[in-house]
Amino acid sequence: MVAKEKRMSSDSSRYSLANLSQEVLIREAILDDAQPLSSLYNFYVKSSTATFAVQEESPEDRRAWLLHHEARKMPVFVADLDGRVLGFASVSPYHDRCAYAGTCELSVYVDPNCLGKGLGKALIDRLMEHCRTRYHAVLALICSENDASLKLFASRGFKQVGRLQEVGYKFDRYLDVSILQLILPNSNGSKR
């Protein structure tokens, strides 16, 4: 992560997406992305069960989150179209117990005006490039009513392996969570 300047690096990739007229850059997040990431995340906090957060976060909260991810060497990638953040995806620890070191959790958020245009797939694919050399198992915990996210992850090879019933409460109702998993063949995940 770079403090201010945006740069192309080996961790940047360009994607031509079928429904967008321009190439989208998938790059590592920088601290200057805290404001747009916070705004995008807050959209889902207020209007969706894509996150179980119920209080909006500040850009400072997101900045601290970015720094925490950087310290743990867990990437955050953004979909950037001419300097505008259209989505982001992150790798987070699944659990802090040592035996889970080869397992991570993925999260993806896309600008609601850009859904269905391939950004989620591009972000997951970029994260998976990172995960293949570091993890054995990759998880996604998705609200069971979020059909679009379930289909997105299934399209990238994830399989539903479980369902937690009524573990979340948002918008005056209990919510189930589907557990999706992808086992990475020939990974070095146990040596993270």
N, C-alpha and C. Protein backbone atom coordinates (compact mmCIF):
# COMPACT_ATOMS: atom_id res chain seq x y z
N MET A 1 0.86 -1.16 0.00
CA MET A 1 0.00 0.00 0.00
C MET A 1 0.91 1.23 0.00
N VAL A 2 0.50 2.23 -0.72
CA VAL A 2 1.27 3.46 -0.82
C VAL A 2 0.48 4.56 -0.14
N ALA A 3 1.16 5.43 0.58
CA ALA A 3 0.48 6.46 1.35
C ALA A 3 -0.43 7.33 0.50
N LYS A 4 0.07 7.90 -0.59
CA LYS A 4 -0.78 8.82 -1.34
C LYS A 4 -0.81 8.52 -2.83
N GLU A 5 0.31 8.33 -3.43
CA GLU A 5 0.33 8.27 -4.88
C GLU A 5 -0.22 6.95 -5.40
N LYS A 6 -0.94 7.04 -6.50
CA LYS A 6 -1.41 5.84 -7.16
C LYS A 6 -0.31 5.41 -8.11
N ARG A 7 -0.09 4.12 -8.19
CA ARG A 7 0.99 3.66 -9.04
C ARG A 7 0.61 2.32 -9.64
N MET A 8 1.21 2.02 -10.76
CA MET A 8 1.11 0.70 -11.34
C MET A 8 2.21 -0.14 -10.71
N SER A 9 1.92 -1.35 -10.37
CA SER A 9 2.93 -2.23 -9.81
C SER A 9 2.66 -3.64 -10.31
N SER A 10 3.44 -4.56 -9.83
CA SER A 10 3.20 -5.95 -10.20
C SER A 10 1.88 -6.44 -9.61
N ASP A 11 1.32 -5.69 -8.68
CA ASP A 11 0.04 -6.05 -8.10
C ASP A 11 -1.11 -5.29 -8.74
N SER A 12 -0.94 -4.85 -9.97
CA SER A 12 -2.00 -4.17 -10.71
C SER A 12 -2.27 -4.96 -11.98
N SER A 13 -3.52 -5.04 -12.36
CA SER A 13 -3.92 -5.73 -13.58
C SER A 13 -5.04 -4.95 -14.23
N ARG A 14 -5.05 -4.94 -15.56
CA ARG A 14 -6.13 -4.27 -16.30
C ARG A 14 -7.10 -5.32 -16.81
N TYR A 15 -8.39 -5.02 -16.72
CA TYR A 15 -9.43 -5.92 -17.18
C TYR A 15 -10.35 -5.18 -18.13
N SER A 16 -10.63 -5.81 -19.26
CA SER A 16 -11.66 -5.31 -20.16
C SER A 16 -12.93 -6.06 -19.78
N LEU A 17 -13.92 -5.33 -19.36
CA LEU A 17 -15.16 -5.95 -18.92
C LEU A 17 -16.23 -5.73 -19.98
N ALA A 18 -17.00 -6.75 -20.23
CA ALA A 18 -17.95 -6.74 -21.34
C ALA A 18 -18.91 -5.56 -21.30
N ASN A 19 -19.36 -5.18 -20.14
CA ASN A 19 -20.39 -4.14 -20.05
C ASN A 19 -19.85 -2.76 -19.71
N LEU A 20 -18.53 -2.60 -19.63
CA LEU A 20 -17.95 -1.29 -19.39
C LEU A 20 -17.15 -0.90 -20.63
N SER A 21 -17.28 0.32 -21.04
CA SER A 21 -16.64 0.74 -22.28
C SER A 21 -15.15 0.97 -22.14
N GLN A 22 -14.65 1.05 -20.92
CA GLN A 22 -13.23 1.30 -20.69
C GLN A 22 -12.61 0.18 -19.87
N GLU A 23 -11.28 0.09 -19.92
CA GLU A 23 -10.58 -0.88 -19.09
C GLU A 23 -10.61 -0.44 -17.63
N VAL A 24 -10.80 -1.42 -16.77
CA VAL A 24 -10.79 -1.19 -15.34
C VAL A 24 -9.47 -1.71 -14.79
N LEU A 25 -8.84 -0.92 -13.98
CA LEU A 25 -7.59 -1.30 -13.34
C LEU A 25 -7.90 -1.95 -12.00
N ILE A 26 -7.42 -3.17 -11.80
CA ILE A 26 -7.50 -3.82 -10.49
C ILE A 26 -6.14 -3.63 -9.86
N ARG A 27 -6.10 -2.86 -8.77
CA ARG A 27 -4.83 -2.50 -8.14
C ARG A 27 -4.95 -2.64 -6.64
N GLU A 28 -3.79 -2.62 -5.98
CA GLU A 28 -3.80 -2.61 -4.53
C GLU A 28 -4.42 -1.32 -4.03
N ALA A 29 -5.15 -1.42 -2.94
CA ALA A 29 -5.72 -0.22 -2.32
C ALA A 29 -4.60 0.62 -1.73
N ILE A 30 -4.84 1.92 -1.70
CA ILE A 30 -3.93 2.86 -1.06
C ILE A 30 -4.71 3.61 0.01
N LEU A 31 -4.01 4.28 0.89
CA LEU A 31 -4.69 4.98 1.99
C LEU A 31 -5.66 6.05 1.48
N ASP A 32 -5.36 6.65 0.35
CA ASP A 32 -6.28 7.64 -0.22
C ASP A 32 -7.61 7.02 -0.65
N ASP A 33 -7.69 5.70 -0.71
CA ASP A 33 -8.94 5.03 -1.06
C ASP A 33 -9.90 4.92 0.13
N ALA A 34 -9.46 5.31 1.31
CA ALA A 34 -10.29 5.13 2.50
C ALA A 34 -11.67 5.77 2.35
N GLN A 35 -11.73 6.98 1.82
CA GLN A 35 -13.02 7.68 1.67
C GLN A 35 -13.96 6.93 0.70
N PRO A 36 -13.54 6.63 -0.53
CA PRO A 36 -14.48 5.92 -1.40
C PRO A 36 -14.81 4.50 -0.92
N LEU A 37 -13.87 3.82 -0.28
CA LEU A 37 -14.17 2.49 0.25
C LEU A 37 -15.21 2.59 1.36
N SER A 38 -15.03 3.58 2.22
CA SER A 38 -15.98 3.79 3.31
C SER A 38 -17.37 4.11 2.77
N SER A 39 -17.44 4.98 1.79
CA SER A 39 -18.74 5.35 1.19
C SER A 39 -19.43 4.14 0.57
N LEU A 40 -18.66 3.34 -0.17
CA LEU A 40 -19.24 2.16 -0.80
C LEU A 40 -19.72 1.16 0.26
N TYR A 41 -18.89 0.91 1.25
CA TYR A 41 -19.27 -0.02 2.31
C TYR A 41 -20.51 0.48 3.05
N ASN A 42 -20.56 1.78 3.34
CA ASN A 42 -21.71 2.34 4.06
C ASN A 42 -23.00 2.21 3.28
N PHE A 43 -22.93 2.24 1.95
CA PHE A 43 -24.13 1.99 1.15
C PHE A 43 -24.71 0.63 1.54
N TYR A 44 -23.85 -0.38 1.64
CA TYR A 44 -24.33 -1.73 1.96
C TYR A 44 -24.72 -1.86 3.43
N VAL A 45 -24.09 -1.11 4.32
CA VAL A 45 -24.49 -1.10 5.73
C VAL A 45 -25.93 -0.62 5.85
N LYS A 46 -26.25 0.45 5.13
CA LYS A 46 -27.58 1.08 5.24
C LYS A 46 -28.68 0.33 4.50
N SER A 47 -28.34 -0.38 3.42
CA SER A 47 -29.39 -0.84 2.53
C SER A 47 -29.41 -2.33 2.23
N SER A 48 -28.51 -3.10 2.83
CA SER A 48 -28.35 -4.47 2.37
C SER A 48 -27.93 -5.40 3.50
N THR A 49 -28.11 -6.69 3.25
CA THR A 49 -27.58 -7.70 4.16
C THR A 49 -26.27 -8.27 3.62
N ALA A 50 -25.63 -7.57 2.69
CA ALA A 50 -24.31 -8.00 2.19
C ALA A 50 -23.27 -7.90 3.30
N THR A 51 -23.50 -7.02 4.26
CA THR A 51 -22.68 -6.96 5.47
C THR A 51 -23.63 -6.98 6.65
N PHE A 52 -23.18 -7.54 7.74
CA PHE A 52 -24.00 -7.55 8.95
C PHE A 52 -23.67 -6.36 9.85
N ALA A 53 -22.81 -5.47 9.38
CA ALA A 53 -22.59 -4.22 10.11
C ALA A 53 -23.89 -3.43 10.11
N VAL A 54 -24.18 -2.75 11.21
CA VAL A 54 -25.41 -1.97 11.30
C VAL A 54 -25.13 -0.49 11.53
N GLN A 55 -23.89 -0.14 11.80
CA GLN A 55 -23.51 1.26 11.96
C GLN A 55 -22.51 1.63 10.88
N GLU A 56 -22.71 2.80 10.30
CA GLU A 56 -21.80 3.27 9.27
C GLU A 56 -20.41 3.51 9.86
N GLU A 57 -19.42 3.42 9.02
CA GLU A 57 -18.04 3.65 9.44
C GLU A 57 -17.56 4.98 8.87
N SER A 58 -16.53 5.50 9.47
CA SER A 58 -15.92 6.75 9.00
C SER A 58 -14.75 6.41 8.07
N PRO A 59 -14.31 7.36 7.28
CA PRO A 59 -13.09 7.13 6.49
C PRO A 59 -11.90 6.78 7.37
N GLU A 60 -11.85 7.34 8.58
CA GLU A 60 -10.77 7.01 9.50
C GLU A 60 -10.83 5.53 9.91
N ASP A 61 -12.05 5.02 10.11
CA ASP A 61 -12.21 3.59 10.42
C ASP A 61 -11.66 2.74 9.27
N ARG A 62 -12.00 3.13 8.04
CA ARG A 62 -11.55 2.36 6.88
C ARG A 62 -10.04 2.48 6.69
N ARG A 63 -9.50 3.64 7.01
CA ARG A 63 -8.05 3.83 6.94
C ARG A 63 -7.35 2.88 7.92
N ALA A 64 -7.86 2.79 9.13
CA ALA A 64 -7.29 1.88 10.13
C ALA A 64 -7.42 0.43 9.66
N TRP A 65 -8.53 0.11 9.03
CA TRP A 65 -8.74 -1.24 8.47
C TRP A 65 -7.71 -1.53 7.39
N LEU A 66 -7.45 -0.56 6.52
CA LEU A 66 -6.43 -0.73 5.47
C LEU A 66 -5.05 -0.95 6.09
N LEU A 67 -4.71 -0.16 7.09
CA LEU A 67 -3.41 -0.31 7.75
C LEU A 67 -3.29 -1.68 8.44
N HIS A 68 -4.36 -2.13 9.04
CA HIS A 68 -4.37 -3.44 9.69
C HIS A 68 -4.15 -4.55 8.66
N HIS A 69 -4.82 -4.45 7.52
CA HIS A 69 -4.63 -5.44 6.46
C HIS A 69 -3.19 -5.41 5.94
N GLU A 70 -2.65 -4.22 5.78
CA GLU A 70 -1.28 -4.10 5.30
C GLU A 70 -0.31 -4.75 6.29
N ALA A 71 -0.50 -4.50 7.57
CA ALA A 71 0.39 -5.06 8.60
C ALA A 71 0.35 -6.58 8.61
N ARG A 72 -0.81 -7.15 8.28
CA ARG A 72 -0.97 -8.61 8.27
C ARG A 72 -0.66 -9.21 6.90
N LYS A 73 -0.24 -8.36 5.95
CA LYS A 73 0.06 -8.81 4.58
C LYS A 73 -1.15 -9.47 3.94
N MET A 74 -2.32 -8.88 4.18
CA MET A 74 -3.56 -9.37 3.60
C MET A 74 -4.07 -8.29 2.66
N PRO A 75 -4.02 -8.56 1.37
CA PRO A 75 -4.28 -7.51 0.39
C PRO A 75 -5.73 -7.05 0.32
N VAL A 76 -5.85 -5.82 -0.11
CA VAL A 76 -7.13 -5.23 -0.48
C VAL A 76 -6.93 -4.71 -1.90
N PHE A 77 -7.76 -5.15 -2.82
CA PHE A 77 -7.69 -4.68 -4.20
C PHE A 77 -8.92 -3.85 -4.52
N VAL A 78 -8.73 -2.85 -5.35
CA VAL A 78 -9.84 -2.01 -5.79
C VAL A 78 -9.97 -2.08 -7.30
N ALA A 79 -11.19 -1.91 -7.76
CA ALA A 79 -11.48 -1.76 -9.18
C ALA A 79 -11.53 -0.25 -9.43
N ASP A 80 -10.61 0.23 -10.24
CA ASP A 80 -10.40 1.66 -10.46
C ASP A 80 -10.67 1.98 -11.93
N LEU A 81 -11.60 2.86 -12.17
CA LEU A 81 -11.89 3.34 -13.52
C LEU A 81 -11.59 4.83 -13.56
N ASP A 82 -10.45 5.17 -14.13
CA ASP A 82 -10.03 6.57 -14.24
C ASP A 82 -10.05 7.29 -12.89
N GLY A 83 -9.56 6.62 -11.85
CA GLY A 83 -9.47 7.24 -10.54
C GLY A 83 -10.72 7.09 -9.68
N ARG A 84 -11.76 6.49 -10.21
CA ARG A 84 -12.99 6.28 -9.44
C ARG A 84 -13.04 4.82 -8.98
N VAL A 85 -13.18 4.61 -7.68
CA VAL A 85 -13.26 3.27 -7.11
C VAL A 85 -14.67 2.72 -7.34
N LEU A 86 -14.73 1.60 -8.09
CA LEU A 86 -16.02 0.98 -8.42
C LEU A 86 -16.30 -0.26 -7.58
N GLY A 87 -15.30 -0.71 -6.84
CA GLY A 87 -15.48 -1.89 -6.01
C GLY A 87 -14.19 -2.23 -5.30
N PHE A 88 -14.30 -3.11 -4.32
CA PHE A 88 -13.09 -3.58 -3.64
C PHE A 88 -13.30 -4.99 -3.13
N ALA A 89 -12.18 -5.67 -2.92
CA ALA A 89 -12.20 -7.03 -2.40
C ALA A 89 -11.02 -7.19 -1.45
N SER A 90 -11.21 -8.00 -0.43
CA SER A 90 -10.16 -8.16 0.57
C SER A 90 -10.05 -9.61 1.02
N VAL A 91 -8.86 -9.93 1.51
CA VAL A 91 -8.58 -11.19 2.18
C VAL A 91 -8.46 -10.86 3.67
N SER A 92 -9.11 -11.64 4.48
CA SER A 92 -9.03 -11.47 5.94
C SER A 92 -8.78 -12.83 6.58
N PRO A 93 -8.25 -12.82 7.79
CA PRO A 93 -8.07 -14.11 8.47
C PRO A 93 -9.43 -14.74 8.74
N TYR A 94 -9.51 -16.04 8.60
CA TYR A 94 -10.75 -16.73 8.96
C TYR A 94 -10.88 -16.79 10.47
N HIS A 95 -9.78 -17.09 11.14
CA HIS A 95 -9.78 -17.24 12.59
C HIS A 95 -8.37 -17.01 13.07
N ASP A 96 -8.21 -16.54 14.30
CA ASP A 96 -6.89 -16.24 14.83
C ASP A 96 -6.14 -17.46 15.38
N ARG A 97 -6.79 -18.58 15.59
CA ARG A 97 -6.10 -19.77 16.08
C ARG A 97 -5.09 -20.24 15.04
N CYS A 98 -3.93 -20.66 15.48
CA CYS A 98 -2.81 -21.02 14.59
C CYS A 98 -3.16 -22.09 13.57
N ALA A 99 -3.99 -23.05 13.94
CA ALA A 99 -4.30 -24.14 13.02
C ALA A 99 -5.09 -23.67 11.80
N TYR A 100 -5.66 -22.46 11.87
CA TYR A 100 -6.40 -21.91 10.74
C TYR A 100 -5.53 -21.05 9.82
N ALA A 101 -4.24 -21.03 10.02
CA ALA A 101 -3.35 -20.13 9.27
C ALA A 101 -3.44 -20.34 7.76
N GLY A 102 -3.79 -21.52 7.30
CA GLY A 102 -3.89 -21.78 5.87
C GLY A 102 -5.26 -21.51 5.30
N THR A 103 -6.12 -20.86 6.09
CA THR A 103 -7.49 -20.56 5.65
C THR A 103 -7.73 -19.06 5.75
N CYS A 104 -8.38 -18.51 4.73
CA CYS A 104 -8.71 -17.08 4.74
C CYS A 104 -10.16 -16.89 4.31
N GLU A 105 -10.63 -15.67 4.48
CA GLU A 105 -11.99 -15.30 4.08
C GLU A 105 -11.93 -14.16 3.08
N LEU A 106 -12.71 -14.25 2.02
CA LEU A 106 -12.79 -13.20 1.01
C LEU A 106 -14.06 -12.39 1.20
N SER A 107 -13.96 -11.08 0.92
CA SER A 107 -15.12 -10.19 0.90
C SER A 107 -15.03 -9.34 -0.35
N VAL A 108 -16.18 -9.06 -0.96
CA VAL A 108 -16.24 -8.27 -2.19
C VAL A 108 -17.43 -7.32 -2.11
N TYR A 109 -17.17 -6.06 -2.47
CA TYR A 109 -18.24 -5.05 -2.54
C TYR A 109 -18.09 -4.28 -3.84
N VAL A 110 -19.19 -4.15 -4.58
CA VAL A 110 -19.17 -3.48 -5.89
C VAL A 110 -20.20 -2.37 -5.88
N ASP A 111 -19.83 -1.25 -6.48
CA ASP A 111 -20.74 -0.12 -6.64
C ASP A 111 -22.06 -0.63 -7.20
N PRO A 112 -23.19 -0.29 -6.57
CA PRO A 112 -24.48 -0.83 -7.03
C PRO A 112 -24.80 -0.48 -8.48
N ASN A 113 -24.23 0.59 -9.01
CA ASN A 113 -24.46 0.95 -10.41
C ASN A 113 -23.64 0.10 -11.37
N CYS A 114 -22.75 -0.72 -10.83
CA CYS A 114 -21.86 -1.54 -11.67
C CYS A 114 -22.08 -3.04 -11.48
N LEU A 115 -23.13 -3.41 -10.79
CA LEU A 115 -23.40 -4.83 -10.57
C LEU A 115 -23.69 -5.52 -11.91
N GLY A 116 -23.23 -6.75 -12.03
CA GLY A 116 -23.49 -7.53 -13.23
C GLY A 116 -22.59 -7.21 -14.41
N LYS A 117 -21.56 -6.43 -14.19
CA LYS A 117 -20.66 -6.03 -15.27
C LYS A 117 -19.31 -6.77 -15.23
N GLY A 118 -19.15 -7.69 -14.31
CA GLY A 118 -17.93 -8.48 -14.24
C GLY A 118 -16.90 -7.99 -13.24
N LEU A 119 -17.20 -6.90 -12.52
CA LEU A 119 -16.22 -6.38 -11.55
C LEU A 119 -15.98 -7.35 -10.40
N GLY A 120 -17.05 -7.94 -9.88
CA GLY A 120 -16.90 -8.90 -8.79
C GLY A 120 -16.02 -10.07 -9.20
N LYS A 121 -16.25 -10.60 -10.40
CA LYS A 121 -15.42 -11.71 -10.91
C LYS A 121 -13.97 -11.28 -11.03
N ALA A 122 -13.73 -10.09 -11.60
CA ALA A 122 -12.35 -9.62 -11.77
C ALA A 122 -11.66 -9.44 -10.42
N LEU A 123 -12.37 -8.90 -9.44
CA LEU A 123 -11.78 -8.71 -8.11
C LEU A 123 -11.47 -10.05 -7.44
N ILE A 124 -12.40 -11.00 -7.53
CA ILE A 124 -12.15 -12.32 -6.94
C ILE A 124 -10.98 -12.99 -7.64
N ASP A 125 -10.96 -12.93 -8.96
CA ASP A 125 -9.87 -13.57 -9.69
C ASP A 125 -8.52 -13.00 -9.28
N ARG A 126 -8.46 -11.69 -9.11
CA ARG A 126 -7.19 -11.07 -8.70
C ARG A 126 -6.79 -11.51 -7.30
N LEU A 127 -7.75 -11.56 -6.39
CA LEU A 127 -7.45 -12.02 -5.04
C LEU A 127 -7.00 -13.48 -5.04
N MET A 128 -7.62 -14.28 -5.89
CA MET A 128 -7.27 -15.70 -5.93
C MET A 128 -5.84 -15.90 -6.41
N GLU A 129 -5.33 -15.03 -7.27
CA GLU A 129 -3.91 -15.10 -7.66
C GLU A 129 -3.03 -15.01 -6.41
N HIS A 130 -3.38 -14.12 -5.52
CA HIS A 130 -2.65 -13.97 -4.25
C HIS A 130 -2.84 -15.21 -3.37
N CYS A 131 -4.08 -15.67 -3.25
CA CYS A 131 -4.39 -16.76 -2.32
C CYS A 131 -3.74 -18.08 -2.72
N ARG A 132 -3.59 -18.34 -3.99
CA ARG A 132 -3.07 -19.63 -4.46
C ARG A 132 -1.67 -19.94 -3.93
N THR A 133 -0.90 -18.92 -3.60
CA THR A 133 0.46 -19.16 -3.10
C THR A 133 0.54 -19.08 -1.58
N ARG A 134 -0.56 -18.76 -0.92
CA ARG A 134 -0.49 -18.52 0.52
C ARG A 134 -1.49 -19.33 1.35
N TYR A 135 -2.54 -19.83 0.73
CA TYR A 135 -3.61 -20.47 1.49
C TYR A 135 -3.98 -21.82 0.89
N HIS A 136 -4.56 -22.64 1.73
CA HIS A 136 -5.07 -23.94 1.29
C HIS A 136 -6.58 -23.88 1.08
N ALA A 137 -7.27 -23.17 1.95
CA ALA A 137 -8.74 -23.07 1.88
C ALA A 137 -9.14 -21.60 1.92
N VAL A 138 -10.10 -21.26 1.05
CA VAL A 138 -10.62 -19.90 0.97
C VAL A 138 -12.12 -19.97 1.22
N LEU A 139 -12.59 -19.13 2.13
CA LEU A 139 -14.01 -19.12 2.50
C LEU A 139 -14.67 -17.81 2.12
N ALA A 140 -15.97 -17.88 1.92
CA ALA A 140 -16.81 -16.69 1.80
C ALA A 140 -18.04 -16.95 2.65
N LEU A 141 -18.33 -16.06 3.58
CA LEU A 141 -19.53 -16.17 4.41
C LEU A 141 -20.52 -15.14 3.88
N ILE A 142 -21.63 -15.63 3.33
CA ILE A 142 -22.56 -14.77 2.58
C ILE A 142 -23.97 -14.96 3.14
N CYS A 143 -24.66 -13.84 3.35
CA CYS A 143 -26.05 -13.93 3.78
C CYS A 143 -26.82 -14.79 2.77
N SER A 144 -27.54 -15.76 3.28
CA SER A 144 -28.18 -16.76 2.42
C SER A 144 -29.22 -16.18 1.48
N GLU A 145 -29.72 -14.97 1.76
CA GLU A 145 -30.69 -14.36 0.85
C GLU A 145 -30.01 -13.58 -0.28
N ASN A 146 -28.70 -13.50 -0.27
CA ASN A 146 -27.95 -12.73 -1.26
C ASN A 146 -27.61 -13.63 -2.46
N ASP A 147 -28.61 -13.89 -3.29
CA ASP A 147 -28.47 -14.80 -4.42
C ASP A 147 -27.38 -14.37 -5.39
N ALA A 148 -27.26 -13.08 -5.65
CA ALA A 148 -26.25 -12.61 -6.62
C ALA A 148 -24.84 -12.95 -6.13
N SER A 149 -24.55 -12.74 -4.85
CA SER A 149 -23.23 -13.06 -4.32
C SER A 149 -22.98 -14.56 -4.31
N LEU A 150 -24.00 -15.33 -3.96
CA LEU A 150 -23.85 -16.78 -3.96
C LEU A 150 -23.52 -17.28 -5.37
N LYS A 151 -24.20 -16.74 -6.37
CA LYS A 151 -23.94 -17.12 -7.77
C LYS A 151 -22.55 -16.65 -8.21
N LEU A 152 -22.17 -15.44 -7.79
CA LEU A 152 -20.84 -14.92 -8.14
C LEU A 152 -19.75 -15.86 -7.65
N PHE A 153 -19.79 -16.23 -6.38
CA PHE A 153 -18.75 -17.09 -5.84
C PHE A 153 -18.82 -18.49 -6.43
N ALA A 154 -20.01 -19.00 -6.71
CA ALA A 154 -20.14 -20.30 -7.35
C ALA A 154 -19.49 -20.26 -8.74
N SER A 155 -19.62 -19.14 -9.43
CA SER A 155 -19.02 -19.02 -10.77
C SER A 155 -17.49 -19.04 -10.73
N ARG A 156 -16.92 -18.81 -9.56
CA ARG A 156 -15.46 -18.83 -9.40
C ARG A 156 -14.99 -20.14 -8.78
N GLY A 157 -15.88 -21.13 -8.68
CA GLY A 157 -15.50 -22.46 -8.20
C GLY A 157 -15.80 -22.74 -6.75
N PHE A 158 -16.37 -21.80 -6.02
CA PHE A 158 -16.70 -22.02 -4.61
C PHE A 158 -17.93 -22.93 -4.50
N LYS A 159 -17.91 -23.78 -3.48
CA LYS A 159 -19.03 -24.70 -3.20
C LYS A 159 -19.62 -24.37 -1.84
N GLN A 160 -20.95 -24.44 -1.75
CA GLN A 160 -21.58 -24.24 -0.45
C GLN A 160 -21.36 -25.49 0.39
N VAL A 161 -20.77 -25.29 1.58
CA VAL A 161 -20.46 -26.42 2.45
C VAL A 161 -21.23 -26.36 3.77
N GLY A 162 -21.99 -25.32 3.98
CA GLY A 162 -22.75 -25.23 5.21
C GLY A 162 -23.65 -24.01 5.23
N ARG A 163 -24.51 -24.02 6.23
CA ARG A 163 -25.43 -22.90 6.43
C ARG A 163 -25.64 -22.71 7.92
N LEU A 164 -25.36 -21.50 8.38
CA LEU A 164 -25.58 -21.15 9.78
C LEU A 164 -26.95 -20.48 9.87
N GLN A 165 -27.83 -21.03 10.67
CA GLN A 165 -29.20 -20.53 10.72
C GLN A 165 -29.36 -19.43 11.76
N GLU A 166 -29.98 -18.34 11.33
CA GLU A 166 -30.38 -17.24 12.20
C GLU A 166 -29.25 -16.72 13.08
N VAL A 167 -28.07 -16.54 12.49
CA VAL A 167 -26.91 -16.06 13.26
C VAL A 167 -26.74 -14.54 13.18
N GLY A 168 -27.45 -13.89 12.27
CA GLY A 168 -27.39 -12.44 12.16
C GLY A 168 -28.77 -11.85 12.34
N TYR A 169 -28.80 -10.58 12.80
CA TYR A 169 -30.08 -9.89 12.97
C TYR A 169 -29.92 -8.49 12.41
N LYS A 170 -30.66 -8.20 11.35
CA LYS A 170 -30.59 -6.89 10.70
C LYS A 170 -31.92 -6.63 10.02
N PHE A 171 -32.32 -5.38 9.97
CA PHE A 171 -33.59 -4.99 9.36
C PHE A 171 -34.77 -5.75 9.97
N ASP A 172 -34.73 -5.90 11.30
CA ASP A 172 -35.82 -6.50 12.07
C ASP A 172 -36.11 -7.96 11.72
N ARG A 173 -35.06 -8.69 11.33
CA ARG A 173 -35.26 -10.11 11.07
C ARG A 173 -33.95 -10.87 11.27
N TYR A 174 -34.07 -12.16 11.60
CA TYR A 174 -32.92 -13.03 11.71
C TYR A 174 -32.50 -13.50 10.32
N LEU A 175 -31.20 -13.67 10.14
CA LEU A 175 -30.65 -14.01 8.83
C LEU A 175 -29.73 -15.21 8.92
N ASP A 176 -29.77 -16.03 7.89
CA ASP A 176 -28.88 -17.18 7.78
C ASP A 176 -27.63 -16.77 7.01
N VAL A 177 -26.55 -17.51 7.22
CA VAL A 177 -25.30 -17.29 6.51
C VAL A 177 -24.88 -18.59 5.83
N SER A 178 -24.63 -18.50 4.54
CA SER A 178 -24.10 -19.64 3.79
C SER A 178 -22.58 -19.60 3.84
N ILE A 179 -21.97 -20.76 4.03
CA ILE A 179 -20.52 -20.88 4.04
C ILE A 179 -20.10 -21.49 2.71
N LEU A 180 -19.33 -20.73 1.94
CA LEU A 180 -18.81 -21.22 0.68
C LEU A 180 -17.31 -21.43 0.82
N GLN A 181 -16.80 -22.46 0.15
CA GLN A 181 -15.40 -22.82 0.32
C GLN A 181 -14.80 -23.22 -1.03
N LEU A 182 -13.53 -22.89 -1.17
CA LEU A 182 -12.74 -23.34 -2.31
C LEU A 182 -11.43 -23.89 -1.77
N ILE A 183 -11.16 -25.15 -2.04
CA ILE A 183 -9.88 -25.74 -1.65
C ILE A 183 -8.92 -25.53 -2.82
N LEU A 184 -7.74 -25.00 -2.52
CA LEU A 184 -6.76 -24.68 -3.55
C LEU A 184 -5.78 -25.83 -3.70
N PRO A 185 -5.78 -26.48 -4.85
CA PRO A 185 -4.83 -27.58 -5.05
C PRO A 185 -3.40 -27.05 -5.16
N ASN A 186 -2.48 -27.83 -4.67
CA ASN A 186 -1.05 -27.51 -4.79
C ASN A 186 -0.69 -26.15 -4.20
N SER A 187 -1.36 -25.75 -3.16
CA SER A 187 -1.06 -24.46 -2.55
C SER A 187 -0.01 -24.63 -1.46
N ASN A 188 0.58 -23.53 -1.07
CA ASN A 188 1.52 -23.52 0.04
C ASN A 188 0.85 -23.02 1.31
N GLY A 189 -0.47 -23.09 1.34
CA GLY A 189 -1.24 -22.45 2.39
C GLY A 189 -0.88 -22.80 3.81
N SER A 190 -0.43 -24.02 4.03
CA SER A 190 -0.13 -24.40 5.41
C SER A 190 1.17 -23.75 5.89
N LYS A 191 1.89 -23.07 5.01
CA LYS A 191 3.18 -22.46 5.37
C LYS A 191 3.09 -20.95 5.45
N ARG A 192 1.92 -20.40 5.59
CA ARG A 192 1.70 -18.95 5.58
C ARG A 192 2.56 -18.22 6.54
